[in-house]
């Protein structure tokens, strides 16, 4: 993630001479929105992944217990 933030910052600095102060602020604001959105999506994915794995393991263990009781 840090790479993308650095890349956008570098791009802004490269083009700073061609942009007005208002345009630079707009670009920085948009970059911030994108960064925070991606971070929020990554956090959401991580939480779901952990929850899904816990449910999967519980079902697996219950299945193993049921199988061993039959044997």
PDB file of N, CA and C in Angstrom:
ATOM      1  N   UNK A   1       0.820  -1.185   0.000  1.00  0.00           N
ATOM      2  CA  UNK A   1       0.000   0.000   0.000  1.00  0.00           C
ATOM      3  C   UNK A   1       0.860   1.244   0.000  1.00  0.00           C
ATOM      4  N   UNK A   2       1.931   1.186   0.774  1.00  0.00           N
ATOM      5  CA  UNK A   2       2.823   2.333   0.876  1.00  0.00           C
ATOM      6  C   UNK A   2       3.384   2.717  -0.491  1.00  0.00           C
ATOM      7  N   UNK A   3       3.593   1.735  -1.356  1.00  0.00           N
ATOM      8  CA  UNK A   3       4.144   1.979  -2.686  1.00  0.00           C
ATOM      9  C   UNK A   3       3.214   2.876  -3.487  1.00  0.00           C
ATOM     10  N   UNK A   4       1.905   2.631  -3.395  1.00  0.00           N
ATOM     11  CA  UNK A   4       0.943   3.420  -4.155  1.00  0.00           C
ATOM     12  C   UNK A   4       0.865   4.850  -3.643  1.00  0.00           C
ATOM     13  N   UNK A   5       0.937   5.017  -2.339  1.00  0.00           N
ATOM     14  CA  UNK A   5       0.922   6.361  -1.761  1.00  0.00           C
ATOM     15  C   UNK A   5       2.160   7.117  -2.211  1.00  0.00           C
ATOM     16  N   UNK A   6       3.295   6.452  -2.163  1.00  0.00           N
ATOM     17  CA  UNK A   6       4.553   7.086  -2.583  1.00  0.00           C
ATOM     18  C   UNK A   6       4.504   7.430  -4.070  1.00  0.00           C
ATOM     19  N   UNK A   7       3.947   6.534  -4.872  1.00  0.00           N
ATOM     20  CA  UNK A   7       3.860   6.775  -6.318  1.00  0.00           C
ATOM     21  C   UNK A   7       2.977   7.983  -6.617  1.00  0.00           C
ATOM     22  N   UNK A   8       1.848   8.093  -5.923  1.00  0.00           N
ATOM     23  CA  UNK A   8       0.975   9.239  -6.172  1.00  0.00           C
ATOM     24  C   UNK A   8       1.624  10.528  -5.691  1.00  0.00           C
ATOM     25  N   UNK A   9       2.339  10.468  -4.583  1.00  0.00           N
ATOM     26  CA  UNK A   9       3.044  11.646  -4.088  1.00  0.00           C
ATOM     27  C   UNK A   9       4.123  12.073  -5.078  1.00  0.00           C
ATOM     28  N   UNK A  10       4.853  11.113  -5.620  1.00  0.00           N
ATOM     29  CA  UNK A  10       5.884  11.419  -6.618  1.00  0.00           C
ATOM     30  C   UNK A  10       5.275  12.043  -7.867  1.00  0.00           C
ATOM     31  N   UNK A  11       4.144  11.501  -8.298  1.00  0.00           N
ATOM     32  CA  UNK A  11       3.478  12.022  -9.498  1.00  0.00           C
ATOM     33  C   UNK A  11       3.020  13.460  -9.277  1.00  0.00           C
ATOM     34  N   UNK A  12       2.506  13.742  -8.096  1.00  0.00           N
ATOM     35  CA  UNK A  12       2.081  15.107  -7.778  1.00  0.00           C
ATOM     36  C   UNK A  12       3.285  16.049  -7.820  1.00  0.00           C
ATOM     37  N   UNK A  13       4.388  15.617  -7.236  1.00  0.00           N
ATOM     38  CA  UNK A  13       5.586  16.456  -7.212  1.00  0.00           C
ATOM     39  C   UNK A  13       6.145  16.678  -8.616  1.00  0.00           C
ATOM     40  N   UNK A  14       6.085  15.658  -9.465  1.00  0.00           N
ATOM     41  CA  UNK A  14       6.563  15.795 -10.842  1.00  0.00           C
ATOM     42  C   UNK A  14       5.768  16.832 -11.616  1.00  0.00           C
ATOM     43  N   UNK A  15       4.462  16.879 -11.357  1.00  0.00           N
ATOM     44  CA  UNK A  15       3.578  17.757 -12.112  1.00  0.00           C
ATOM     45  C   UNK A  15       3.215  19.030 -11.358  1.00  0.00           C
ATOM     46  N   UNK A  16       3.848  19.276 -10.241  1.00  0.00           N
ATOM     47  CA  UNK A  16       3.487  20.427  -9.406  1.00  0.00           C
ATOM     48  C   UNK A  16       3.627  21.741 -10.162  1.00  0.00           C
ATOM     49  N   UNK A  17       4.579  21.845 -11.030  1.00  0.00           N
ATOM     50  CA  UNK A  17       4.767  23.082 -11.788  1.00  0.00           C
ATOM     51  C   UNK A  17       3.649  23.349 -12.773  1.00  0.00           C
ATOM     52  N   UNK A  18       2.950  22.300 -13.201  1.00  0.00           N
ATOM     53  CA  UNK A  18       1.885  22.451 -14.194  1.00  0.00           C
ATOM     54  C   UNK A  18       0.506  22.571 -13.549  1.00  0.00           C
ATOM     55  N   UNK A  19       0.410  22.334 -12.251  1.00  0.00           N
ATOM     56  CA  UNK A  19      -0.889  22.342 -11.575  1.00  0.00           C
ATOM     57  C   UNK A  19      -1.005  23.549 -10.654  1.00  0.00           C
ATOM     58  N   UNK A  20      -2.219  24.004 -10.500  1.00  0.00           N
ATOM     59  CA  UNK A  20      -2.455  25.078  -9.537  1.00  0.00           C
ATOM     60  C   UNK A  20      -2.519  24.473  -8.143  1.00  0.00           C
ATOM     61  N   UNK A  21      -2.455  25.309  -7.142  1.00  0.00           N
ATOM     62  CA  UNK A  21      -2.523  24.840  -5.753  1.00  0.00           C
ATOM     63  C   UNK A  21      -3.840  24.110  -5.494  1.00  0.00           C
ATOM     64  N   UNK A  22      -4.924  24.610  -6.052  1.00  0.00           N
ATOM     65  CA  UNK A  22      -6.239  23.968  -5.873  1.00  0.00           C
ATOM     66  C   UNK A  22      -6.266  22.588  -6.516  1.00  0.00           C
ATOM     67  N   UNK A  23      -5.648  22.454  -7.690  1.00  0.00           N
ATOM     68  CA  UNK A  23      -5.614  21.158  -8.370  1.00  0.00           C
ATOM     69  C   UNK A  23      -4.767  20.157  -7.582  1.00  0.00           C
ATOM     70  N   UNK A  24      -3.662  20.628  -7.029  1.00  0.00           N
ATOM     71  CA  UNK A  24      -2.816  19.753  -6.215  1.00  0.00           C
ATOM     72  C   UNK A  24      -3.583  19.259  -4.997  1.00  0.00           C
ATOM     73  N   UNK A  25      -4.307  20.146  -4.348  1.00  0.00           N
ATOM     74  CA  UNK A  25      -5.102  19.755  -3.185  1.00  0.00           C
ATOM     75  C   UNK A  25      -6.182  18.754  -3.570  1.00  0.00           C
ATOM     76  N   UNK A  26      -6.795  18.958  -4.721  1.00  0.00           N
ATOM     77  CA  UNK A  26      -7.826  18.028  -5.195  1.00  0.00           C
ATOM     78  C   UNK A  26      -7.233  16.645  -5.450  1.00  0.00           C
ATOM     79  N   UNK A  27      -6.087  16.599  -6.109  1.00  0.00           N
ATOM     80  CA  UNK A  27      -5.432  15.325  -6.397  1.00  0.00           C
ATOM     81  C   UNK A  27      -5.031  14.633  -5.096  1.00  0.00           C
ATOM     82  N   UNK A  28      -4.462  15.381  -4.164  1.00  0.00           N
ATOM     83  CA  UNK A  28      -4.080  14.794  -2.880  1.00  0.00           C
ATOM     84  C   UNK A  28      -5.295  14.275  -2.126  1.00  0.00           C
ATOM     85  N   UNK A  29      -6.379  15.019  -2.173  1.00  0.00           N
ATOM     86  CA  UNK A  29      -7.604  14.597  -1.500  1.00  0.00           C
ATOM     87  C   UNK A  29      -8.140  13.301  -2.108  1.00  0.00           C
ATOM     88  N   UNK A  30      -8.145  13.220  -3.424  1.00  0.00           N
ATOM     89  CA  UNK A  30      -8.614  12.003  -4.092  1.00  0.00           C
ATOM     90  C   UNK A  30      -7.719  10.820  -3.771  1.00  0.00           C
ATOM     91  N   UNK A  31      -6.415  11.051  -3.743  1.00  0.00           N
ATOM     92  CA  UNK A  31      -5.475   9.985  -3.399  1.00  0.00           C
ATOM     93  C   UNK A  31      -5.727   9.495  -1.976  1.00  0.00           C
ATOM     94  N   UNK A  32      -6.006  10.411  -1.059  1.00  0.00           N
ATOM     95  CA  UNK A  32      -6.306  10.025   0.316  1.00  0.00           C
ATOM     96  C   UNK A  32      -7.578   9.181   0.390  1.00  0.00           C
ATOM     97  N   UNK A  33      -8.601   9.593  -0.349  1.00  0.00           N
ATOM     98  CA  UNK A  33      -9.864   8.846  -0.351  1.00  0.00           C
ATOM     99  C   UNK A  33      -9.637   7.432  -0.862  1.00  0.00           C
ATOM    100  N   UNK A  34      -8.888   7.302  -1.940  1.00  0.00           N
ATOM    101  CA  UNK A  34      -8.612   5.982  -2.499  1.00  0.00           C
ATOM    102  C   UNK A  34      -7.821   5.132  -1.504  1.00  0.00           C
ATOM    103  N   UNK A  35      -6.821   5.739  -0.873  1.00  0.00           N
ATOM    104  CA  UNK A  35      -6.006   5.013   0.092  1.00  0.00           C
ATOM    105  C   UNK A  35      -6.853   4.500   1.247  1.00  0.00           C
ATOM    106  N   UNK A  36      -7.683   5.372   1.822  1.00  0.00           N
ATOM    107  CA  UNK A  36      -8.502   4.958   2.959  1.00  0.00           C
ATOM    108  C   UNK A  36      -9.545   3.935   2.560  1.00  0.00           C
ATOM    109  N   UNK A  37     -10.070   4.037   1.344  1.00  0.00           N
ATOM    110  CA  UNK A  37     -11.045   3.062   0.861  1.00  0.00           C
ATOM    111  C   UNK A  37     -10.410   1.682   0.723  1.00  0.00           C
ATOM    112  N   UNK A  38      -9.220   1.644   0.132  1.00  0.00           N
ATOM    113  CA  UNK A  38      -8.528   0.363  -0.041  1.00  0.00           C
ATOM    114  C   UNK A  38      -8.179  -0.240   1.318  1.00  0.00           C
ATOM    115  N   UNK A  39      -7.704   0.582   2.246  1.00  0.00           N
ATOM    116  CA  UNK A  39      -7.384   0.080   3.584  1.00  0.00           C
ATOM    117  C   UNK A  39      -8.625  -0.471   4.281  1.00  0.00           C
ATOM    118  N   UNK A  40      -9.764   0.202   4.129  1.00  0.00           N
ATOM    119  CA  UNK A  40     -11.008  -0.273   4.735  1.00  0.00           C
ATOM    120  C   UNK A  40     -11.427  -1.608   4.113  1.00  0.00           C
ATOM    121  N   UNK A  41     -11.289  -1.726   2.809  1.00  0.00           N
ATOM    122  CA  UNK A  41     -11.623  -2.988   2.130  1.00  0.00           C
ATOM    123  C   UNK A  41     -10.710  -4.117   2.588  1.00  0.00           C
ATOM    124  N   UNK A  42      -9.427  -3.818   2.756  1.00  0.00           N
ATOM    125  CA  UNK A  42      -8.493  -4.836   3.222  1.00  0.00           C
ATOM    126  C   UNK A  42      -8.839  -5.289   4.635  1.00  0.00           C
ATOM    127  N   UNK A  43      -9.204  -4.363   5.495  1.00  0.00           N
ATOM    128  CA  UNK A  43      -9.598  -4.702   6.868  1.00  0.00           C
ATOM    129  C   UNK A  43     -10.860  -5.564   6.859  1.00  0.00           C
ATOM    130  N   UNK A  44     -11.833  -5.192   6.038  1.00  0.00           N
ATOM    131  CA  UNK A  44     -13.079  -5.951   5.922  1.00  0.00           C
ATOM    132  C   UNK A  44     -12.784  -7.375   5.432  1.00  0.00           C
ATOM    133  N   UNK A  45     -11.954  -7.504   4.414  1.00  0.00           N
ATOM    134  CA  UNK A  45     -11.581  -8.818   3.886  1.00  0.00           C
ATOM    135  C   UNK A  45     -10.901  -9.654   4.961  1.00  0.00           C
ATOM    136  N   UNK A  46      -9.991  -9.039   5.701  1.00  0.00           N
ATOM    137  CA  UNK A  46      -9.263  -9.766   6.752  1.00  0.00           C
ATOM    138  C   UNK A  46     -10.219 -10.280   7.823  1.00  0.00           C
ATOM    139  N   UNK A  47     -11.150  -9.434   8.268  1.00  0.00           N
ATOM    140  CA  UNK A  47     -12.119  -9.869   9.284  1.00  0.00           C
ATOM    141  C   UNK A  47     -12.960 -11.033   8.778  1.00  0.00           C
ATOM    142  N   UNK A  48     -13.428 -10.931   7.547  1.00  0.00           N
ATOM    143  CA  UNK A  48     -14.237 -12.019   6.969  1.00  0.00           C
ATOM    144  C   UNK A  48     -13.422 -13.289   6.820  1.00  0.00           C
ATOM    145  N   UNK A  49     -12.167 -13.165   6.440  1.00  0.00           N
ATOM    146  CA  UNK A  49     -11.310 -14.332   6.272  1.00  0.00           C
ATOM    147  C   UNK A  49     -11.125 -15.062   7.599  1.00  0.00           C
ATOM    148  N   UNK A  50     -10.895 -14.316   8.668  1.00  0.00           N
ATOM    149  CA  UNK A  50     -10.707 -14.927   9.982  1.00  0.00           C
ATOM    150  C   UNK A  50     -11.991 -15.618  10.431  1.00  0.00           C
ATOM    151  N   UNK A  51     -13.114 -14.947  10.270  1.00  0.00           N
ATOM    152  CA  UNK A  51     -14.403 -15.523  10.666  1.00  0.00           C
ATOM    153  C   UNK A  51     -14.701 -16.781   9.851  1.00  0.00           C
ATOM    154  N   UNK A  52     -14.510 -16.701   8.549  1.00  0.00           N
ATOM    155  CA  UNK A  52     -14.771 -17.855   7.687  1.00  0.00           C
ATOM    156  C   UNK A  52     -13.887 -19.041   8.063  1.00  0.00           C
ATOM    157  N   UNK A  53     -12.631 -18.783   8.382  1.00  0.00           N
ATOM    158  CA  UNK A  53     -11.722 -19.863   8.748  1.00  0.00           C
ATOM    159  C   UNK A  53     -12.154 -20.516  10.059  1.00  0.00           C
ATOM    160  N   UNK A  54     -12.600 -19.713  11.010  1.00  0.00           N
ATOM    161  CA  UNK A  54     -13.072 -20.269  12.287  1.00  0.00           C
ATOM    162  C   UNK A  54     -14.280 -21.163  12.064  1.00  0.00           C
ATOM    163  N   UNK A  55     -15.226 -20.709  11.260  1.00  0.00           N
ATOM    164  CA  UNK A  55     -16.421 -21.507  10.969  1.00  0.00           C
ATOM    165  C   UNK A  55     -16.023 -22.795  10.251  1.00  0.00           C
ATOM    166  N   UNK A  56     -15.126 -22.698   9.283  1.00  0.00           N
ATOM    167  CA  UNK A  56     -14.658 -23.871   8.555  1.00  0.00           C
ATOM    168  C   UNK A  56     -14.031 -24.881   9.503  1.00  0.00           C
ATOM    169  N   UNK A  57     -13.169 -24.437  10.396  1.00  0.00           N
ATOM    170  CA  UNK A  57     -12.500 -25.345  11.325  1.00  0.00           C
ATOM    171  C   UNK A  57     -13.492 -25.987  12.292  1.00  0.00           C
ATOM    172  N   UNK A  58     -14.472 -25.235  12.775  1.00  0.00           N
ATOM    173  CA  UNK A  58     -15.477 -25.798  13.669  1.00  0.00           C
ATOM    174  C   UNK A  58     -16.271 -26.890  12.966  1.00  0.00           C
ATOM    175  N   UNK A  59     -16.686 -26.630  11.736  1.00  0.00           N
ATOM    176  CA  UNK A  59     -17.435 -27.639  10.980  1.00  0.00           C
ATOM    177  C   UNK A  59     -16.580 -28.882  10.720  1.00  0.00           C
ATOM    178  N   UNK A  60     -15.327 -28.659  10.397  1.00  0.00           N
ATOM    179  CA  UNK A  60     -14.417 -29.770  10.148  1.00  0.00           C
ATOM    180  C   UNK A  60     -14.267 -30.620  11.409  1.00  0.00           C
ATOM    181  N   UNK A  61     -14.037 -29.972  12.551  1.00  0.00           N
ATOM    182  CA  UNK A  61     -13.848 -30.716  13.796  1.00  0.00           C
ATOM    183  C   UNK A  61     -15.115 -31.446  14.223  1.00  0.00           C
ATOM    184  N   UNK A  62     -16.276 -30.818  14.041  1.00  0.00           N
ATOM    185  CA  UNK A  62     -17.536 -31.497  14.355  1.00  0.00           C
ATOM    186  C   UNK A  62     -17.719 -32.718  13.453  1.00  0.00           C
ATOM    187  N   UNK A  63     -17.324 -32.579  12.195  1.00  0.00           N
ATOM    188  CA  UNK A  63     -17.401 -33.712  11.269  1.00  0.00           C
ATOM    189  C   UNK A  63     -16.462 -34.836  11.692  1.00  0.00           C
ATOM    190  N   UNK A  64     -15.263 -34.487  12.147  1.00  0.00           N
ATOM    191  CA  UNK A  64     -14.309 -35.492  12.617  1.00  0.00           C
ATOM    192  C   UNK A  64     -14.828 -36.203  13.854  1.00  0.00           C
ATOM    193  N   UNK A  65     -15.425 -35.447  14.769  1.00  0.00           N
ATOM    194  CA  UNK A  65     -15.987 -36.043  15.978  1.00  0.00           C
ATOM    195  C   UNK A  65     -17.110 -37.000  15.614  1.00  0.00           C
ATOM    196  N   UNK A  66     -18.000 -36.579  14.730  1.00  0.00           N
ATOM    197  CA  UNK A  66     -19.108 -37.444  14.314  1.00  0.00           C
ATOM    198  C   UNK A  66     -18.586 -38.705  13.632  1.00  0.00           C
ATOM    199  N   UNK A  67     -17.589 -38.564  12.779  1.00  0.00           N
ATOM    200  CA  UNK A  67     -17.024 -39.721  12.096  1.00  0.00           C
ATOM    201  C   UNK A  67     -16.400 -40.699  13.100  1.00  0.00           C
ATOM    202  N   UNK A  68     -15.650 -40.192  14.037  1.00  0.00           N
ATOM    203  CA  UNK A  68     -14.990 -41.062  15.022  1.00  0.00           C
ATOM    204  C   UNK A  68     -15.976 -41.730  15.954  1.00  0.00           C
ATOM    205  N   UNK A  69     -17.099 -41.105  16.222  1.00  0.00           N
ATOM    206  CA  UNK A  69     -18.128 -41.736  17.054  1.00  0.00           C
ATOM    207  C   UNK A  69     -18.759 -42.913  16.319  1.00  0.00           C
ATOM    208  N   UNK A  70     -18.869 -42.796  14.985  1.00  0.00           N
ATOM    209  CA  UNK A  70     -19.459 -43.881  14.191  1.00  0.00           C
ATOM    210  C   UNK A  70     -18.502 -45.066  14.086  1.00  0.00           C
ATOM    211  N   UNK A  71     -17.221 -44.771  14.136  1.00  0.00           N
ATOM    212  CA  UNK A  71     -16.215 -45.841  13.983  1.00  0.00           C
ATOM    213  C   UNK A  71     -16.070 -46.568  15.246  1.00  0.00           C
TER     214      UNK A  71
END
